[in-house]
Amino acid sequence: MVTTAAGFDLVLLEPAGHTPPAWLAVILGGPALFLVGRGAFEYEVFSRVSTSRPGGVLALLTIAPAGLFLAPVYVCAGAMLVLGGVACADYRRSRGRPPEEPVPPH
């Protein structure tokens, strides 16, 4: 959460300016760390990782090169779209199903 908050603060500092590589790492690294942590949590509780987690990290890595040429606010918007896509994929997967029972790994 600290990395995400730091990235948000950088975007507020200069939303329309140039995105240095260090800023890009912080702006996209926060959501990536969240997805990795959530995937680890999901594995520990349910013994599986949804494909949307690594797919989201891959999507963040895919938009990173373009982020060097965009303003920080657009990089942040890209991260928001990726996380929104992960949330939609999770909703589609679980819609109409009963809540899952925890099944920790052996």
N, C-alpha and C. Protein backbone atom coordinates (compact mmCIF):
# COMPACT_ATOMS: atom_id res chain seq x y z
N MET A 1 0.81 -1.19 0.00
CA MET A 1 0.00 0.00 0.00
C MET A 1 0.85 1.25 0.00
N VAL A 2 2.03 1.19 0.61
CA VAL A 2 2.89 2.37 0.66
C VAL A 2 3.35 2.74 -0.74
N THR A 3 3.69 1.75 -1.55
CA THR A 3 4.14 2.03 -2.90
C THR A 3 3.02 2.63 -3.73
N THR A 4 1.82 2.13 -3.57
CA THR A 4 0.67 2.69 -4.30
C THR A 4 0.42 4.13 -3.87
N ALA A 5 0.50 4.39 -2.57
CA ALA A 5 0.29 5.76 -2.07
C ALA A 5 1.39 6.69 -2.58
N ALA A 6 2.63 6.21 -2.63
CA ALA A 6 3.72 7.03 -3.13
C ALA A 6 3.53 7.34 -4.62
N GLY A 7 3.08 6.36 -5.38
CA GLY A 7 2.81 6.59 -6.80
C GLY A 7 1.70 7.59 -6.99
N PHE A 8 0.65 7.50 -6.18
CA PHE A 8 -0.45 8.44 -6.26
C PHE A 8 0.03 9.85 -5.92
N ASP A 9 0.89 9.98 -4.92
CA ASP A 9 1.44 11.27 -4.55
C ASP A 9 2.27 11.87 -5.68
N LEU A 10 3.05 11.04 -6.37
CA LEU A 10 3.83 11.53 -7.50
C LEU A 10 2.93 12.04 -8.62
N VAL A 11 1.84 11.34 -8.87
CA VAL A 11 0.91 11.77 -9.92
C VAL A 11 0.26 13.10 -9.54
N LEU A 12 -0.07 13.26 -8.26
CA LEU A 12 -0.64 14.53 -7.81
C LEU A 12 0.38 15.66 -7.91
N LEU A 13 1.66 15.34 -7.69
CA LEU A 13 2.71 16.35 -7.73
C LEU A 13 2.86 16.96 -9.12
N GLU A 14 2.86 16.11 -10.14
CA GLU A 14 3.03 16.60 -11.52
C GLU A 14 2.25 15.69 -12.47
N PRO A 15 0.93 15.89 -12.58
CA PRO A 15 0.11 14.98 -13.38
C PRO A 15 0.37 15.05 -14.88
N ALA A 16 0.75 16.21 -15.38
CA ALA A 16 0.88 16.36 -16.84
C ALA A 16 2.32 16.44 -17.30
N GLY A 17 3.26 16.22 -16.42
CA GLY A 17 4.66 16.33 -16.79
C GLY A 17 5.20 15.06 -17.41
N HIS A 18 6.51 14.97 -17.41
CA HIS A 18 7.22 13.80 -17.94
C HIS A 18 7.26 12.72 -16.85
N THR A 19 7.23 11.45 -17.24
CA THR A 19 7.29 10.33 -16.28
C THR A 19 8.69 9.74 -16.29
N PRO A 20 9.50 10.07 -15.28
CA PRO A 20 10.82 9.45 -15.20
C PRO A 20 10.70 7.95 -14.92
N PRO A 21 11.72 7.17 -15.30
CA PRO A 21 11.66 5.72 -15.06
C PRO A 21 11.42 5.34 -13.59
N ALA A 22 12.01 6.08 -12.66
CA ALA A 22 11.79 5.77 -11.24
C ALA A 22 10.33 5.99 -10.85
N TRP A 23 9.72 7.04 -11.39
CA TRP A 23 8.29 7.28 -11.12
C TRP A 23 7.45 6.16 -11.71
N LEU A 24 7.82 5.76 -12.92
CA LEU A 24 7.07 4.67 -13.58
C LEU A 24 7.12 3.40 -12.74
N ALA A 25 8.30 3.11 -12.19
CA ALA A 25 8.44 1.91 -11.35
C ALA A 25 7.55 2.00 -10.12
N VAL A 26 7.42 3.17 -9.54
CA VAL A 26 6.59 3.33 -8.35
C VAL A 26 5.11 3.30 -8.71
N ILE A 27 4.74 4.01 -9.79
CA ILE A 27 3.32 4.10 -10.17
C ILE A 27 2.78 2.72 -10.58
N LEU A 28 3.55 1.96 -11.33
CA LEU A 28 3.08 0.63 -11.76
C LEU A 28 3.49 -0.47 -10.78
N GLY A 29 4.54 -0.22 -9.99
CA GLY A 29 5.01 -1.22 -9.04
C GLY A 29 4.03 -1.44 -7.89
N GLY A 30 3.34 -0.39 -7.47
CA GLY A 30 2.37 -0.54 -6.38
C GLY A 30 1.25 -1.51 -6.74
N PRO A 31 0.58 -1.30 -7.87
CA PRO A 31 -0.44 -2.26 -8.28
C PRO A 31 0.12 -3.67 -8.54
N ALA A 32 1.35 -3.74 -9.07
CA ALA A 32 1.95 -5.06 -9.31
C ALA A 32 2.21 -5.78 -7.99
N LEU A 33 2.72 -5.06 -7.00
CA LEU A 33 2.94 -5.67 -5.68
C LEU A 33 1.62 -6.11 -5.06
N PHE A 34 0.58 -5.32 -5.24
CA PHE A 34 -0.74 -5.70 -4.73
C PHE A 34 -1.19 -7.02 -5.37
N LEU A 35 -1.05 -7.14 -6.69
CA LEU A 35 -1.49 -8.36 -7.37
C LEU A 35 -0.67 -9.57 -6.95
N VAL A 36 0.62 -9.38 -6.76
CA VAL A 36 1.48 -10.50 -6.32
C VAL A 36 1.09 -10.90 -4.90
N GLY A 37 0.89 -9.92 -4.03
CA GLY A 37 0.50 -10.23 -2.65
C GLY A 37 -0.86 -10.89 -2.58
N ARG A 38 -1.79 -10.41 -3.37
CA ARG A 38 -3.13 -11.00 -3.39
C ARG A 38 -3.08 -12.43 -3.94
N GLY A 39 -2.23 -12.66 -4.94
CA GLY A 39 -2.06 -14.00 -5.47
C GLY A 39 -1.48 -14.95 -4.43
N ALA A 40 -0.50 -14.47 -3.66
CA ALA A 40 0.09 -15.30 -2.59
C ALA A 40 -0.95 -15.61 -1.52
N PHE A 41 -1.73 -14.61 -1.16
CA PHE A 41 -2.80 -14.81 -0.18
C PHE A 41 -3.81 -15.83 -0.70
N GLU A 42 -4.21 -15.69 -1.96
CA GLU A 42 -5.18 -16.60 -2.56
C GLU A 42 -4.64 -18.03 -2.58
N TYR A 43 -3.34 -18.18 -2.84
CA TYR A 43 -2.75 -19.51 -2.83
C TYR A 43 -2.78 -20.12 -1.43
N GLU A 44 -2.45 -19.32 -0.42
CA GLU A 44 -2.43 -19.82 0.95
C GLU A 44 -3.82 -20.19 1.46
N VAL A 45 -4.85 -19.52 0.98
CA VAL A 45 -6.21 -19.79 1.46
C VAL A 45 -6.91 -20.83 0.61
N PHE A 46 -6.78 -20.73 -0.71
CA PHE A 46 -7.55 -21.59 -1.62
C PHE A 46 -6.72 -22.60 -2.42
N SER A 47 -5.41 -22.62 -2.23
CA SER A 47 -4.52 -23.53 -2.97
C SER A 47 -4.57 -23.33 -4.47
N ARG A 48 -4.80 -22.11 -4.90
CA ARG A 48 -4.81 -21.80 -6.33
C ARG A 48 -4.55 -20.31 -6.48
N VAL A 49 -4.22 -19.91 -7.69
CA VAL A 49 -4.07 -18.50 -8.02
C VAL A 49 -4.87 -18.25 -9.29
N SER A 50 -5.77 -17.30 -9.24
CA SER A 50 -6.58 -16.96 -10.42
C SER A 50 -5.66 -16.48 -11.54
N THR A 51 -6.01 -16.80 -12.76
CA THR A 51 -5.18 -16.37 -13.89
C THR A 51 -5.19 -14.85 -14.06
N SER A 52 -6.18 -14.19 -13.46
CA SER A 52 -6.22 -12.74 -13.59
C SER A 52 -5.08 -12.06 -12.84
N ARG A 53 -4.52 -12.69 -11.81
CA ARG A 53 -3.42 -12.08 -11.05
C ARG A 53 -2.14 -11.99 -11.89
N PRO A 54 -1.60 -13.12 -12.36
CA PRO A 54 -0.40 -12.99 -13.20
C PRO A 54 -0.70 -12.26 -14.51
N GLY A 55 -1.91 -12.39 -15.00
CA GLY A 55 -2.28 -11.65 -16.21
C GLY A 55 -2.25 -10.15 -15.98
N GLY A 56 -2.68 -9.71 -14.80
CA GLY A 56 -2.63 -8.29 -14.46
C GLY A 56 -1.20 -7.78 -14.35
N VAL A 57 -0.33 -8.58 -13.72
CA VAL A 57 1.07 -8.20 -13.62
C VAL A 57 1.69 -8.12 -15.01
N LEU A 58 1.38 -9.07 -15.86
CA LEU A 58 1.88 -9.05 -17.24
C LEU A 58 1.36 -7.83 -17.99
N ALA A 59 0.10 -7.48 -17.79
CA ALA A 59 -0.45 -6.28 -18.43
C ALA A 59 0.25 -5.02 -17.95
N LEU A 60 0.55 -4.95 -16.66
CA LEU A 60 1.29 -3.78 -16.14
C LEU A 60 2.69 -3.71 -16.75
N LEU A 61 3.35 -4.85 -16.89
CA LEU A 61 4.67 -4.86 -17.53
C LEU A 61 4.57 -4.48 -19.01
N THR A 62 3.47 -4.83 -19.64
CA THR A 62 3.28 -4.52 -21.05
C THR A 62 3.10 -3.03 -21.29
N ILE A 63 2.40 -2.35 -20.38
CA ILE A 63 2.17 -0.92 -20.58
C ILE A 63 3.34 -0.07 -20.08
N ALA A 64 4.28 -0.67 -19.37
CA ALA A 64 5.40 0.09 -18.81
C ALA A 64 6.24 0.81 -19.87
N PRO A 65 6.63 0.18 -20.98
CA PRO A 65 7.43 0.92 -21.96
C PRO A 65 6.71 2.15 -22.52
N ALA A 66 5.43 2.04 -22.74
CA ALA A 66 4.68 3.20 -23.25
C ALA A 66 4.59 4.29 -22.19
N GLY A 67 4.63 3.91 -20.92
CA GLY A 67 4.54 4.87 -19.84
C GLY A 67 5.68 5.87 -19.80
N LEU A 68 6.82 5.48 -20.38
CA LEU A 68 7.95 6.41 -20.43
C LEU A 68 7.66 7.63 -21.29
N PHE A 69 6.71 7.51 -22.21
CA PHE A 69 6.39 8.60 -23.12
C PHE A 69 5.08 9.30 -22.76
N LEU A 70 4.45 8.87 -21.69
CA LEU A 70 3.16 9.44 -21.29
C LEU A 70 3.30 10.26 -20.02
N ALA A 71 2.32 11.11 -19.79
CA ALA A 71 2.26 11.86 -18.54
C ALA A 71 1.89 10.91 -17.40
N PRO A 72 2.32 11.21 -16.18
CA PRO A 72 2.01 10.32 -15.05
C PRO A 72 0.53 10.02 -14.87
N VAL A 73 -0.33 10.98 -15.16
CA VAL A 73 -1.77 10.73 -14.98
C VAL A 73 -2.26 9.64 -15.94
N TYR A 74 -1.68 9.55 -17.13
CA TYR A 74 -2.08 8.50 -18.07
C TYR A 74 -1.52 7.14 -17.67
N VAL A 75 -0.33 7.14 -17.09
CA VAL A 75 0.24 5.89 -16.57
C VAL A 75 -0.64 5.37 -15.44
N CYS A 76 -1.06 6.28 -14.57
CA CYS A 76 -1.94 5.91 -13.46
C CYS A 76 -3.28 5.40 -13.98
N ALA A 77 -3.79 6.03 -15.02
CA ALA A 77 -5.05 5.58 -15.63
C ALA A 77 -4.88 4.17 -16.22
N GLY A 78 -3.73 3.90 -16.81
CA GLY A 78 -3.48 2.56 -17.33
C GLY A 78 -3.46 1.51 -16.23
N ALA A 79 -2.83 1.85 -15.11
CA ALA A 79 -2.82 0.92 -13.97
C ALA A 79 -4.23 0.71 -13.45
N MET A 80 -5.03 1.78 -13.43
CA MET A 80 -6.41 1.67 -12.97
C MET A 80 -7.21 0.74 -13.89
N LEU A 81 -6.99 0.87 -15.19
CA LEU A 81 -7.71 0.00 -16.14
C LEU A 81 -7.31 -1.47 -15.95
N VAL A 82 -6.04 -1.72 -15.71
CA VAL A 82 -5.59 -3.10 -15.48
C VAL A 82 -6.24 -3.67 -14.23
N LEU A 83 -6.21 -2.91 -13.13
CA LEU A 83 -6.82 -3.40 -11.89
C LEU A 83 -8.34 -3.55 -12.04
N GLY A 84 -8.96 -2.66 -12.80
CA GLY A 84 -10.39 -2.81 -13.08
C GLY A 84 -10.67 -4.07 -13.88
N GLY A 85 -9.79 -4.38 -14.84
CA GLY A 85 -9.94 -5.61 -15.61
C GLY A 85 -9.79 -6.85 -14.75
N VAL A 86 -8.86 -6.83 -13.81
CA VAL A 86 -8.69 -7.96 -12.88
C VAL A 86 -9.94 -8.12 -12.03
N ALA A 87 -10.48 -7.01 -11.55
CA ALA A 87 -11.70 -7.08 -10.73
C ALA A 87 -12.87 -7.62 -11.54
N CYS A 88 -13.01 -7.19 -12.79
CA CYS A 88 -14.10 -7.71 -13.64
C CYS A 88 -13.93 -9.20 -13.92
N ALA A 89 -12.69 -9.63 -14.16
CA ALA A 89 -12.44 -11.05 -14.39
C ALA A 89 -12.79 -11.88 -13.15
N ASP A 90 -12.45 -11.37 -11.98
CA ASP A 90 -12.79 -12.08 -10.74
C ASP A 90 -14.30 -12.14 -10.55
N TYR A 91 -14.97 -11.06 -10.85
CA TYR A 91 -16.43 -11.03 -10.72
C TYR A 91 -17.08 -12.04 -11.67
N ARG A 92 -16.63 -12.06 -12.92
CA ARG A 92 -17.20 -13.02 -13.89
C ARG A 92 -16.97 -14.46 -13.45
N ARG A 93 -15.78 -14.73 -12.89
CA ARG A 93 -15.46 -16.09 -12.47
C ARG A 93 -16.34 -16.54 -11.30
N SER A 94 -16.65 -15.63 -10.40
CA SER A 94 -17.38 -16.03 -9.19
C SER A 94 -18.88 -15.76 -9.24
N ARG A 95 -19.35 -15.10 -10.27
CA ARG A 95 -20.78 -14.75 -10.34
C ARG A 95 -21.64 -16.00 -10.39
N GLY A 96 -22.65 -16.03 -9.53
CA GLY A 96 -23.60 -17.13 -9.51
C GLY A 96 -23.11 -18.37 -8.77
N ARG A 97 -21.95 -18.32 -8.19
CA ARG A 97 -21.42 -19.46 -7.46
C ARG A 97 -21.48 -19.18 -5.96
N PRO A 98 -21.61 -20.21 -5.16
CA PRO A 98 -21.58 -20.00 -3.70
C PRO A 98 -20.16 -19.60 -3.27
N PRO A 99 -20.03 -18.97 -2.12
CA PRO A 99 -18.70 -18.61 -1.63
C PRO A 99 -17.81 -19.84 -1.50
N GLU A 100 -16.54 -19.66 -1.85
CA GLU A 100 -15.59 -20.77 -1.79
C GLU A 100 -15.22 -21.09 -0.35
N GLU A 101 -15.00 -22.36 -0.10
CA GLU A 101 -14.50 -22.81 1.19
C GLU A 101 -12.97 -22.77 1.16
N PRO A 102 -12.33 -22.34 2.24
CA PRO A 102 -10.88 -22.34 2.28
C PRO A 102 -10.33 -23.75 2.17
N VAL A 103 -9.30 -23.92 1.37
CA VAL A 103 -8.61 -25.20 1.20
C VAL A 103 -7.11 -24.89 1.20
N PRO A 104 -6.50 -24.77 2.39
CA PRO A 104 -5.07 -24.44 2.43
C PRO A 104 -4.22 -25.52 1.79
N PRO A 105 -3.05 -25.15 1.25
CA PRO A 105 -2.17 -26.17 0.66
C PRO A 105 -1.64 -27.11 1.73
N HIS A 106 -1.30 -28.31 1.32
CA HIS A 106 -0.83 -29.33 2.28
C HIS A 106 0.63 -29.20 2.53
